[in-house]
Amino acid sequence: MGSAKNSSSAERKARIEEMRRTERARERRNRVLVVAASVVVVAGLVVGGVVLVNSQSDKKDSTVSGDAKSAGDSGHFTTGKDGVKTWSGKLARTHVTTRVSYPMHPPVGGNHNPVWLNCNGDVYTEPVQDENAVHALEHGAVWVTYTGKAAKADIDALAAKVKKTPYSLMSPYENQAAPLILSAWGHQVAVKSASDPEVNKFFATYVQGQQTPEPGASCTGGAMK
């Protein structure tokens, strides 16, 4: 009897020890799985954070640096009975630091340089940057442009008008369809001469006109060209 009892006790201890070993092994496996899962989660968070930062960085870059291939504009010109062309559609207004390819020449709106072109009756004798001039249009300026085909008398007369008109500017611009063109934000007209009645009408309507996205914004303290 004693021998049988001792044998039964030994077997029970052996089973208990085996169960303990099994439990310890299971705990070790669980710890490994938990650690592995934690590593995966942390790695996922790190990767996700990097992707988010890069995404935000890309977004910031697209806003600040801009797209050199697009003005961000969509739409087309419609021409009124008075010959004034009005842009029908979207004119983007994002500040960019690269060159912009505009769908119209001279441009009447779109993404533009953060620094506006001085437009307090400024007459430029050399071509100016489109991106700075567009910012001036955003401030409510009228931009007079001319090609080498324009008569000197008309150039001089328009220059005199610009010099005495705040929120206006003038510069040569060879890449345009007519010798004399007047532009404002979203609007443009070709005139036959400085005495064309549309000149005074365009100035009266669009210098700080209702089309101005930023009425009252400065036309001084910007870029000279």
Protein backbone atom coordinates (compact mmCIF):
# COMPACT_ATOMS: atom_id res chain seq x y z
CA MET A 1 0.00 0.00 0.00
CA GLY A 2 2.76 2.38 0.94
CA SER A 3 4.57 1.73 -2.27
CA ALA A 4 1.44 2.33 -4.34
CA LYS A 5 0.69 5.53 -2.44
CA ASN A 6 4.20 6.84 -2.98
CA SER A 7 4.00 5.97 -6.66
CA SER A 8 0.69 7.84 -7.03
CA SER A 9 2.13 10.88 -5.24
CA ALA A 10 5.19 10.89 -7.48
CA GLU A 11 3.04 10.69 -10.61
CA ARG A 12 0.88 13.57 -9.37
CA LYS A 13 3.96 15.69 -8.71
CA ALA A 14 5.29 14.82 -12.11
CA ARG A 15 2.00 15.89 -13.77
CA ILE A 16 1.97 19.11 -11.77
CA GLU A 17 5.56 19.86 -12.78
CA GLU A 18 4.74 19.11 -16.41
CA MET A 19 1.73 21.43 -16.22
CA ARG A 20 3.95 24.13 -14.72
CA ARG A 21 6.51 23.69 -17.48
CA THR A 22 3.74 23.87 -20.07
CA GLU A 23 2.33 27.02 -18.43
CA ARG A 24 5.76 28.65 -18.27
CA ALA A 25 6.34 27.83 -21.94
CA ARG A 26 2.96 29.29 -22.84
CA GLU A 27 3.75 32.45 -20.88
CA ARG A 28 7.08 32.78 -22.69
CA ARG A 29 5.32 32.39 -26.05
CA ASN A 30 2.72 34.98 -25.04
CA ARG A 31 5.46 37.41 -23.99
CA VAL A 32 7.21 36.93 -27.32
CA LEU A 33 3.96 37.51 -29.19
CA VAL A 34 3.22 40.64 -27.15
CA VAL A 35 6.70 42.02 -27.76
CA ALA A 36 6.49 41.20 -31.46
CA ALA A 37 3.07 42.82 -31.70
CA SER A 38 4.36 45.91 -29.89
CA VAL A 39 7.27 46.18 -32.29
CA VAL A 40 4.87 45.97 -35.24
CA VAL A 41 2.59 48.62 -33.73
CA VAL A 42 5.48 50.96 -32.98
CA ALA A 43 6.94 50.44 -36.44
CA GLY A 44 3.54 51.13 -37.93
CA LEU A 45 3.24 54.33 -35.95
CA VAL A 46 6.71 55.43 -36.99
CA VAL A 47 6.03 54.71 -40.66
CA GLY A 48 2.64 56.34 -40.42
CA GLY A 49 4.19 59.38 -38.80
CA VAL A 50 6.82 59.64 -41.50
CA VAL A 51 4.18 59.32 -44.21
CA LEU A 52 2.05 61.96 -42.51
CA VAL A 53 4.98 64.33 -42.12
CA ASN A 54 6.00 63.81 -45.74
CA SER A 55 2.42 64.31 -46.83
CA GLN A 56 2.15 67.54 -44.88
CA SER A 57 5.54 68.60 -46.20
CA ASP A 58 4.46 67.90 -49.77
CA LYS A 59 1.27 69.83 -49.18
CA LYS A 60 3.23 72.73 -47.74
CA ASP A 61 5.68 72.64 -50.60
CA SER A 62 2.88 72.71 -53.15
CA THR A 63 1.43 75.75 -51.42
CA VAL A 64 4.66 77.63 -50.88
CA SER A 65 6.79 76.56 -53.81
CA GLY A 66 3.94 76.17 -56.27
CA ASP A 67 3.70 74.35 -59.56
CA ALA A 68 5.88 75.81 -62.29
CA LYS A 69 3.72 74.17 -64.94
CA SER A 70 0.30 75.48 -63.95
CA ALA A 71 -1.32 78.67 -62.76
CA GLY A 72 -4.07 76.65 -61.08
CA ASP A 73 -6.62 78.33 -63.37
CA SER A 74 -9.51 76.71 -65.16
CA GLY A 75 -12.02 78.25 -67.53
CA HIS A 76 -11.93 80.51 -70.56
CA PHE A 77 -12.48 84.07 -71.74
CA THR A 78 -15.86 85.36 -72.83
CA THR A 79 -15.93 88.60 -74.80
CA GLY A 80 -18.53 91.28 -74.15
CA LYS A 81 -20.02 93.71 -76.65
CA ASP A 82 -17.54 96.36 -75.53
CA GLY A 83 -14.64 94.04 -76.36
CA VAL A 84 -13.72 93.40 -72.72
CA LYS A 85 -12.81 89.78 -72.12
CA THR A 86 -13.91 88.29 -68.81
CA TRP A 87 -12.44 85.08 -67.44
CA SER A 88 -15.21 82.59 -66.80
CA GLY A 89 -14.02 79.98 -64.35
CA LYS A 90 -11.50 79.67 -61.56
CA LEU A 91 -8.54 82.00 -60.98
CA ALA A 92 -6.28 80.47 -58.33
CA ARG A 93 -4.70 82.71 -55.69
CA THR A 94 -1.99 80.57 -54.10
CA HIS A 95 1.36 82.21 -53.36
CA VAL A 96 4.19 80.38 -55.13
CA THR A 97 7.92 80.95 -55.42
CA THR A 98 8.47 79.37 -58.84
CA ARG A 99 7.69 80.55 -62.34
CA VAL A 100 4.10 79.99 -63.44
CA SER A 101 2.75 79.00 -66.84
CA TYR A 102 -0.41 81.08 -67.35
CA PRO A 103 -3.16 80.18 -69.84
CA MET A 104 -3.45 83.78 -71.01
CA HIS A 105 -0.97 86.54 -71.89
CA PRO A 106 -0.72 88.86 -70.12
CA PRO A 107 -2.18 86.87 -67.24
CA VAL A 108 -5.28 88.20 -65.47
CA GLY A 109 -5.02 86.01 -62.39
CA GLY A 110 -3.79 82.72 -61.00
CA ASN A 111 -1.12 81.54 -58.63
CA HIS A 112 1.43 84.27 -58.12
CA ASN A 113 4.53 85.41 -56.24
CA PRO A 114 4.09 86.40 -52.57
CA VAL A 115 5.59 89.82 -53.42
CA TRP A 116 3.47 92.16 -55.51
CA LEU A 117 4.85 94.47 -58.18
CA ASN A 118 4.80 98.15 -57.21
CA CYS A 119 1.72 99.57 -58.89
CA ASN A 120 1.40 103.11 -57.57
CA GLY A 121 1.48 104.66 -61.03
CA ASP A 122 4.71 102.80 -61.84
CA VAL A 123 5.91 102.77 -65.46
CA TYR A 124 8.48 100.07 -66.24
CA THR A 125 10.60 100.31 -69.37
CA GLU A 126 11.72 96.67 -69.14
CA PRO A 127 9.56 93.50 -69.02
CA VAL A 128 8.42 92.53 -65.52
CA GLN A 129 7.75 89.16 -63.93
CA ASP A 130 4.21 87.91 -64.58
CA GLU A 131 4.03 86.39 -61.11
CA ASN A 132 4.63 89.73 -59.38
CA ALA A 133 2.34 91.64 -61.73
CA VAL A 134 -0.53 89.21 -61.10
CA HIS A 135 -0.19 89.93 -57.39
CA ALA A 136 -0.60 93.62 -58.21
CA LEU A 137 -3.80 92.79 -60.09
CA GLU A 138 -5.01 90.96 -56.99
CA HIS A 139 -4.60 94.26 -55.13
CA GLY A 140 -6.89 95.98 -57.64
CA ALA A 141 -4.39 97.42 -60.12
CA VAL A 142 -4.82 97.91 -63.87
CA TRP A 143 -1.81 96.75 -65.88
CA VAL A 144 -1.09 98.42 -69.23
CA THR A 145 1.12 96.40 -71.58
CA TYR A 146 2.43 97.06 -75.07
CA THR A 147 4.51 95.43 -77.80
CA GLY A 148 7.12 96.84 -80.15
CA LYS A 149 4.31 97.44 -82.68
CA ALA A 150 2.63 100.07 -80.50
CA ALA A 151 3.03 103.70 -81.60
CA LYS A 152 5.39 105.75 -79.45
CA ALA A 153 2.76 108.48 -79.10
CA ASP A 154 0.32 105.96 -77.61
CA ILE A 155 2.96 104.55 -75.28
CA ASP A 156 3.83 108.03 -74.02
CA ALA A 157 0.18 109.01 -73.55
CA LEU A 158 -0.65 105.83 -71.65
CA ALA A 159 2.48 106.20 -69.53
CA ALA A 160 1.37 109.71 -68.57
CA LYS A 161 -2.05 108.38 -67.55
CA VAL A 162 -0.53 105.57 -65.49
CA LYS A 163 1.86 107.92 -63.68
CA LYS A 164 -1.04 109.96 -62.34
CA THR A 165 -3.21 106.94 -61.46
CA PRO A 166 -2.63 105.06 -58.19
CA TYR A 167 -3.20 101.31 -58.51
CA SER A 168 -1.92 101.13 -62.07
CA LEU A 169 1.29 100.06 -63.75
CA MET A 170 2.73 99.74 -67.25
CA SER A 171 5.38 97.59 -68.90
CA PRO A 172 6.42 96.20 -72.31
CA TYR A 173 5.08 92.73 -73.09
CA GLU A 174 5.89 91.11 -76.41
CA ASN A 175 3.94 87.86 -75.91
CA GLN A 176 0.47 89.29 -76.39
CA ALA A 177 -2.05 89.30 -79.23
CA ALA A 178 -2.39 93.07 -79.70
CA PRO A 179 -0.04 96.08 -79.50
CA LEU A 180 -1.93 97.65 -76.57
CA ILE A 181 -3.69 95.66 -73.84
CA LEU A 182 -5.18 96.64 -70.49
CA SER A 183 -5.58 93.97 -67.82
CA ALA A 184 -7.23 93.71 -64.41
CA TRP A 185 -7.99 90.71 -62.22
CA GLY A 186 -10.20 88.50 -64.40
CA HIS A 187 -10.62 91.11 -67.14
CA GLN A 188 -8.72 92.25 -70.23
CA VAL A 189 -9.21 94.43 -73.28
CA ALA A 190 -7.19 95.33 -76.36
CA VAL A 191 -7.39 99.00 -77.31
CA LYS A 192 -6.63 100.63 -80.64
CA SER A 193 -4.83 103.66 -79.23
CA ALA A 194 -4.37 105.76 -76.12
CA SER A 195 -7.40 107.82 -77.18
CA ASP A 196 -9.66 104.76 -77.44
CA PRO A 197 -12.73 105.47 -75.21
CA GLU A 198 -12.28 102.03 -73.66
CA VAL A 199 -9.10 103.20 -71.93
CA ASN A 200 -10.84 105.63 -69.59
CA LYS A 201 -13.77 103.27 -69.16
CA PHE A 202 -11.51 100.36 -68.24
CA PHE A 203 -9.57 102.43 -65.73
CA ALA A 204 -12.76 103.81 -64.18
CA THR A 205 -14.28 100.34 -63.85
CA TYR A 206 -11.34 98.22 -62.73
CA VAL A 207 -8.91 100.38 -60.75
CA GLN A 208 -9.85 99.10 -57.28
CA GLY A 209 -13.03 97.80 -58.92
CA GLN A 210 -15.51 95.22 -57.72
CA GLN A 211 -13.39 92.44 -59.22
CA THR A 212 -10.56 93.15 -56.75
CA PRO A 213 -9.85 90.14 -54.50
CA GLU A 214 -7.94 92.28 -51.97
CA PRO A 215 -9.30 95.85 -52.12
CA GLY A 216 -7.16 98.42 -50.38
CA ALA A 217 -4.06 96.21 -50.26
CA SER A 218 -0.78 98.03 -50.81
CA CYS A 219 0.65 98.93 -54.20
CA THR A 220 3.96 100.08 -52.74
CA GLY A 221 6.72 98.32 -50.83
CA GLY A 222 6.73 95.37 -53.21
CA ALA A 223 9.06 94.32 -56.01
CA MET A 224 10.33 96.87 -58.50
CA LYS A 225 10.03 94.29 -61.28
